[in-house]
Amino acid sequence: MVAVVLAAGLRYEGFEPCGCGREPKFRPRTRAQVRARRVIAARTGTPLAELLGRADPL
């Protein structure tokens, strides 16, 4: 899953240990989430990187 997110050009940023940094953005946590976003990307023509960054891909 991490490899898919990184290959799409997304990063895991915003996780500041002190709590004073930016809010973390959504990243898929399970294979099912990645798979669902791949299916939606194929059906709609939306770039996979855009869908991987959304909490709700629809």
PDB file of N, CA and C in Angstrom:
ATOM      1  N   MET A   1       0.815  -1.180   0.000  1.00  0.00           N
ATOM      2  CA  MET A   1       0.000   0.000   0.000  1.00  0.00           C
ATOM      3  C   MET A   1       0.863   1.250   0.000  1.00  0.00           C
ATOM      4  N   VAL A   2       1.896   1.267   0.812  1.00  0.00           N
ATOM      5  CA  VAL A   2       2.774   2.432   0.852  1.00  0.00           C
ATOM      6  C   VAL A   2       3.428   2.622  -0.509  1.00  0.00           C
ATOM      7  N   ALA A   3       3.838   1.544  -1.129  1.00  0.00           N
ATOM      8  CA  ALA A   3       4.488   1.638  -2.436  1.00  0.00           C
ATOM      9  C   ALA A   3       3.552   2.236  -3.479  1.00  0.00           C
ATOM     10  N   VAL A   4       2.289   1.878  -3.438  1.00  0.00           N
ATOM     11  CA  VAL A   4       1.312   2.421  -4.389  1.00  0.00           C
ATOM     12  C   VAL A   4       1.154   3.919  -4.188  1.00  0.00           C
ATOM     13  N   VAL A   5       1.042   4.337  -2.940  1.00  0.00           N
ATOM     14  CA  VAL A   5       0.872   5.761  -2.632  1.00  0.00           C
ATOM     15  C   VAL A   5       2.109   6.549  -3.061  1.00  0.00           C
ATOM     16  N   LEU A   6       3.286   6.049  -2.738  1.00  0.00           N
ATOM     17  CA  LEU A   6       4.516   6.743  -3.112  1.00  0.00           C
ATOM     18  C   LEU A   6       4.717   6.750  -4.623  1.00  0.00           C
ATOM     19  N   ALA A   7       4.377   5.658  -5.297  1.00  0.00           N
ATOM     20  CA  ALA A   7       4.501   5.597  -6.751  1.00  0.00           C
ATOM     21  C   ALA A   7       3.566   6.586  -7.434  1.00  0.00           C
ATOM     22  N   ALA A   8       2.446   6.898  -6.786  1.00  0.00           N
ATOM     23  CA  ALA A   8       1.501   7.867  -7.334  1.00  0.00           C
ATOM     24  C   ALA A   8       1.965   9.296  -7.105  1.00  0.00           C
ATOM     25  N   GLY A   9       3.070   9.470  -6.372  1.00  0.00           N
ATOM     26  CA  GLY A   9       3.620  10.793  -6.140  1.00  0.00           C
ATOM     27  C   GLY A   9       3.120  11.452  -4.867  1.00  0.00           C
ATOM     28  N   LEU A  10       2.392  10.736  -4.046  1.00  0.00           N
ATOM     29  CA  LEU A  10       1.906  11.289  -2.787  1.00  0.00           C
ATOM     30  C   LEU A  10       2.915  10.999  -1.691  1.00  0.00           C
ATOM     31  N   ARG A  11       2.869  11.798  -0.636  1.00  0.00           N
ATOM     32  CA  ARG A  11       3.788  11.620   0.476  1.00  0.00           C
ATOM     33  C   ARG A  11       2.999  11.521   1.764  1.00  0.00           C
ATOM     34  N   TYR A  12       3.643  11.029   2.762  1.00  0.00           N
ATOM     35  CA  TYR A  12       3.065  10.961   4.109  1.00  0.00           C
ATOM     36  C   TYR A  12       3.643  12.131   4.899  1.00  0.00           C
ATOM     37  N   GLU A  13       3.032  13.292   4.769  1.00  0.00           N
ATOM     38  CA  GLU A  13       3.511  14.487   5.452  1.00  0.00           C
ATOM     39  C   GLU A  13       2.444  15.003   6.398  1.00  0.00           C
ATOM     40  N   GLY A  14       2.854  15.865   7.286  1.00  0.00           N
ATOM     41  CA  GLY A  14       1.913  16.511   8.176  1.00  0.00           C
ATOM     42  C   GLY A  14       1.785  15.833   9.522  1.00  0.00           C
ATOM     43  N   PHE A  15       2.565  14.819   9.773  1.00  0.00           N
ATOM     44  CA  PHE A  15       2.508  14.110  11.043  1.00  0.00           C
ATOM     45  C   PHE A  15       3.579  14.666  11.973  1.00  0.00           C
ATOM     46  N   GLU A  16       3.276  15.767  12.637  1.00  0.00           N
ATOM     47  CA  GLU A  16       4.210  16.393  13.558  1.00  0.00           C
ATOM     48  C   GLU A  16       4.016  15.813  14.954  1.00  0.00           C
ATOM     49  N   PRO A  17       5.054  15.337  15.610  1.00  0.00           N
ATOM     50  CA  PRO A  17       4.902  14.731  16.938  1.00  0.00           C
ATOM     51  C   PRO A  17       4.425  15.711  17.999  1.00  0.00           C
ATOM     52  N   CYS A  18       4.726  17.000  17.840  1.00  0.00           N
ATOM     53  CA  CYS A  18       4.320  17.972  18.855  1.00  0.00           C
ATOM     54  C   CYS A  18       2.865  18.395  18.700  1.00  0.00           C
ATOM     55  N   GLY A  19       2.253  18.106  17.563  1.00  0.00           N
ATOM     56  CA  GLY A  19       0.862  18.500  17.333  1.00  0.00           C
ATOM     57  C   GLY A  19       0.711  19.905  16.796  1.00  0.00           C
ATOM     58  N   CYS A  20       1.814  20.583  16.543  1.00  0.00           N
ATOM     59  CA  CYS A  20       1.738  21.970  16.088  1.00  0.00           C
ATOM     60  C   CYS A  20       1.818  22.107  14.571  1.00  0.00           C
ATOM     61  N   GLY A  21       1.972  21.020  13.874  1.00  0.00           N
ATOM     62  CA  GLY A  21       2.135  21.059  12.424  1.00  0.00           C
ATOM     63  C   GLY A  21       0.824  20.971  11.685  1.00  0.00           C
ATOM     64  N   ARG A  22       0.915  20.697  10.428  1.00  0.00           N
ATOM     65  CA  ARG A  22      -0.251  20.586   9.566  1.00  0.00           C
ATOM     66  C   ARG A  22      -1.041  19.334   9.906  1.00  0.00           C
ATOM     67  N   GLU A  23      -2.285  19.355   9.531  1.00  0.00           N
ATOM     68  CA  GLU A  23      -3.137  18.181   9.704  1.00  0.00           C
ATOM     69  C   GLU A  23      -2.723  17.117   8.689  1.00  0.00           C
ATOM     70  N   PRO A  24      -2.663  15.862   9.078  1.00  0.00           N
ATOM     71  CA  PRO A  24      -2.316  14.814   8.117  1.00  0.00           C
ATOM     72  C   PRO A  24      -3.428  14.632   7.087  1.00  0.00           C
ATOM     73  N   LYS A  25      -3.031  14.390   5.868  1.00  0.00           N
ATOM     74  CA  LYS A  25      -3.992  14.151   4.797  1.00  0.00           C
ATOM     75  C   LYS A  25      -4.324  12.672   4.753  1.00  0.00           C
ATOM     76  N   PHE A  26      -5.447  12.369   4.143  1.00  0.00           N
ATOM     77  CA  PHE A  26      -5.883  10.972   4.043  1.00  0.00           C
ATOM     78  C   PHE A  26      -4.924  10.190   3.150  1.00  0.00           C
ATOM     79  N   ARG A  27      -4.621   8.987   3.571  1.00  0.00           N
ATOM     80  CA  ARG A  27      -3.913   8.001   2.759  1.00  0.00           C
ATOM     81  C   ARG A  27      -4.572   6.661   3.032  1.00  0.00           C
ATOM     82  N   PRO A  28      -4.748   5.827   2.000  1.00  0.00           N
ATOM     83  CA  PRO A  28      -5.384   4.527   2.211  1.00  0.00           C
ATOM     84  C   PRO A  28      -4.584   3.669   3.184  1.00  0.00           C
ATOM     85  N   ARG A  29      -5.305   2.947   4.028  1.00  0.00           N
ATOM     86  CA  ARG A  29      -4.656   2.108   5.044  1.00  0.00           C
ATOM     87  C   ARG A  29      -4.758   0.617   4.731  1.00  0.00           C
ATOM     88  N   THR A  30      -5.659   0.248   3.842  1.00  0.00           N
ATOM     89  CA  THR A  30      -5.848  -1.166   3.546  1.00  0.00           C
ATOM     90  C   THR A  30      -5.756  -1.407   2.044  1.00  0.00           C
ATOM     91  N   ARG A  31      -5.519  -2.648   1.690  1.00  0.00           N
ATOM     92  CA  ARG A  31      -5.501  -3.020   0.272  1.00  0.00           C
ATOM     93  C   ARG A  31      -6.862  -2.814  -0.361  1.00  0.00           C
ATOM     94  N   ALA A  32      -7.908  -3.036   0.413  1.00  0.00           N
ATOM     95  CA  ALA A  32      -9.267  -2.851  -0.109  1.00  0.00           C
ATOM     96  C   ALA A  32      -9.497  -1.393  -0.497  1.00  0.00           C
ATOM     97  N   GLN A  33      -8.990  -0.465   0.294  1.00  0.00           N
ATOM     98  CA  GLN A  33      -9.140   0.955  -0.033  1.00  0.00           C
ATOM     99  C   GLN A  33      -8.384   1.292  -1.324  1.00  0.00           C
ATOM    100  N   VAL A  34      -7.192   0.762  -1.487  1.00  0.00           N
ATOM    101  CA  VAL A  34      -6.420   0.996  -2.706  1.00  0.00           C
ATOM    102  C   VAL A  34      -7.136   0.383  -3.902  1.00  0.00           C
ATOM    103  N   ARG A  35      -7.603  -0.843  -3.747  1.00  0.00           N
ATOM    104  CA  ARG A  35      -8.296  -1.541  -4.827  1.00  0.00           C
ATOM    105  C   ARG A  35      -9.543  -0.778  -5.258  1.00  0.00           C
ATOM    106  N   ALA A  36     -10.331  -0.307  -4.307  1.00  0.00           N
ATOM    107  CA  ALA A  36     -11.552   0.430  -4.626  1.00  0.00           C
ATOM    108  C   ALA A  36     -11.229   1.702  -5.398  1.00  0.00           C
ATOM    109  N   ARG A  37     -10.174   2.387  -4.999  1.00  0.00           N
ATOM    110  CA  ARG A  37      -9.800   3.620  -5.687  1.00  0.00           C
ATOM    111  C   ARG A  37      -9.261   3.343  -7.082  1.00  0.00           C
ATOM    112  N   ARG A  38      -8.584   2.229  -7.267  1.00  0.00           N
ATOM    113  CA  ARG A  38      -8.130   1.851  -8.619  1.00  0.00           C
ATOM    114  C   ARG A  38      -9.311   1.579  -9.541  1.00  0.00           C
ATOM    115  N   VAL A  39     -10.322   0.900  -9.031  1.00  0.00           N
ATOM    116  CA  VAL A  39     -11.514   0.597  -9.828  1.00  0.00           C
ATOM    117  C   VAL A  39     -12.217   1.896 -10.225  1.00  0.00           C
ATOM    118  N   ILE A  40     -12.383   2.792  -9.269  1.00  0.00           N
ATOM    119  CA  ILE A  40     -13.054   4.064  -9.556  1.00  0.00           C
ATOM    120  C   ILE A  40     -12.249   4.883 -10.553  1.00  0.00           C
ATOM    121  N   ALA A  41     -10.926   4.885 -10.413  1.00  0.00           N
ATOM    122  CA  ALA A  41     -10.071   5.620 -11.347  1.00  0.00           C
ATOM    123  C   ALA A  41     -10.228   5.072 -12.760  1.00  0.00           C
ATOM    124  N   ALA A  42     -10.282   3.768 -12.894  1.00  0.00           N
ATOM    125  CA  ALA A  42     -10.441   3.153 -14.216  1.00  0.00           C
ATOM    126  C   ALA A  42     -11.804   3.475 -14.817  1.00  0.00           C
ATOM    127  N   ARG A  43     -12.828   3.483 -14.005  1.00  0.00           N
ATOM    128  CA  ARG A  43     -14.189   3.750 -14.501  1.00  0.00           C
ATOM    129  C   ARG A  43     -14.410   5.208 -14.869  1.00  0.00           C
ATOM    130  N   THR A  44     -13.842   6.114 -14.078  1.00  0.00           N
ATOM    131  CA  THR A  44     -14.131   7.538 -14.276  1.00  0.00           C
ATOM    132  C   THR A  44     -13.062   8.289 -15.048  1.00  0.00           C
ATOM    133  N   GLY A  45     -11.871   7.726 -15.141  1.00  0.00           N
ATOM    134  CA  GLY A  45     -10.777   8.414 -15.810  1.00  0.00           C
ATOM    135  C   GLY A  45     -10.076   9.424 -14.912  1.00  0.00           C
ATOM    136  N   THR A  46     -10.432   9.437 -13.640  1.00  0.00           N
ATOM    137  CA  THR A  46      -9.785  10.324 -12.674  1.00  0.00           C
ATOM    138  C   THR A  46      -8.402   9.767 -12.351  1.00  0.00           C
ATOM    139  N   PRO A  47      -7.391  10.628 -12.260  1.00  0.00           N
ATOM    140  CA  PRO A  47      -6.052  10.131 -11.923  1.00  0.00           C
ATOM    141  C   PRO A  47      -6.048   9.403 -10.573  1.00  0.00           C
ATOM    142  N   LEU A  48      -5.337   8.300 -10.509  1.00  0.00           N
ATOM    143  CA  LEU A  48      -5.280   7.496  -9.293  1.00  0.00           C
ATOM    144  C   LEU A  48      -4.722   8.305  -8.129  1.00  0.00           C
ATOM    145  N   ALA A  49      -3.727   9.139  -8.375  1.00  0.00           N
ATOM    146  CA  ALA A  49      -3.129   9.939  -7.303  1.00  0.00           C
ATOM    147  C   ALA A  49      -4.174  10.829  -6.643  1.00  0.00           C
ATOM    148  N   GLU A  50      -5.072  11.364  -7.423  1.00  0.00           N
ATOM    149  CA  GLU A  50      -6.122  12.228  -6.864  1.00  0.00           C
ATOM    150  C   GLU A  50      -7.056  11.427  -5.966  1.00  0.00           C
ATOM    151  N   LEU A  51      -7.429  10.236  -6.393  1.00  0.00           N
ATOM    152  CA  LEU A  51      -8.351   9.409  -5.602  1.00  0.00           C
ATOM    153  C   LEU A  51      -7.676   8.834  -4.363  1.00  0.00           C
ATOM    154  N   LEU A  52      -6.384   8.568  -4.429  1.00  0.00           N
ATOM    155  CA  LEU A  52      -5.683   8.035  -3.250  1.00  0.00           C
ATOM    156  C   LEU A  52      -5.613   9.069  -2.137  1.00  0.00           C
ATOM    157  N   GLY A  53      -5.732  10.335  -2.475  1.00  0.00           N
ATOM    158  CA  GLY A  53      -5.667  11.390  -1.488  1.00  0.00           C
ATOM    159  C   GLY A  53      -7.014  11.786  -0.911  1.00  0.00           C
ATOM    160  N   ARG A  54      -8.085  11.152  -1.363  1.00  0.00           N
ATOM    161  CA  ARG A  54      -9.426  11.484  -0.889  1.00  0.00           C
ATOM    162  C   ARG A  54      -9.916  10.440   0.115  1.00  0.00           C
ATOM    163  N   ALA A  55     -10.528  10.926   1.185  1.00  0.00           N
ATOM    164  CA  ALA A  55     -11.125  10.007   2.146  1.00  0.00           C
ATOM    165  C   ALA A  55     -12.343   9.319   1.538  1.00  0.00           C
ATOM    166  N   ASP A  56     -13.111  10.069   0.758  1.00  0.00           N
ATOM    167  CA  ASP A  56     -14.277   9.517   0.076  1.00  0.00           C
ATOM    168  C   ASP A  56     -14.028   9.622  -1.421  1.00  0.00           C
ATOM    169  N   PRO A  57     -13.717   8.534  -2.087  1.00  0.00           N
ATOM    170  CA  PRO A  57     -13.347   8.606  -3.500  1.00  0.00           C
ATOM    171  C   PRO A  57     -14.488   8.976  -4.445  1.00  0.00           C
ATOM    172  N   LEU A  58     -15.711   8.911  -3.997  1.00  0.00           N
ATOM    173  CA  LEU A  58     -16.827   9.249  -4.862  1.00  0.00           C
ATOM    174  C   LEU A  58     -17.114  10.693  -4.714  1.00  0.00           C
TER     175      LEU A  58
END
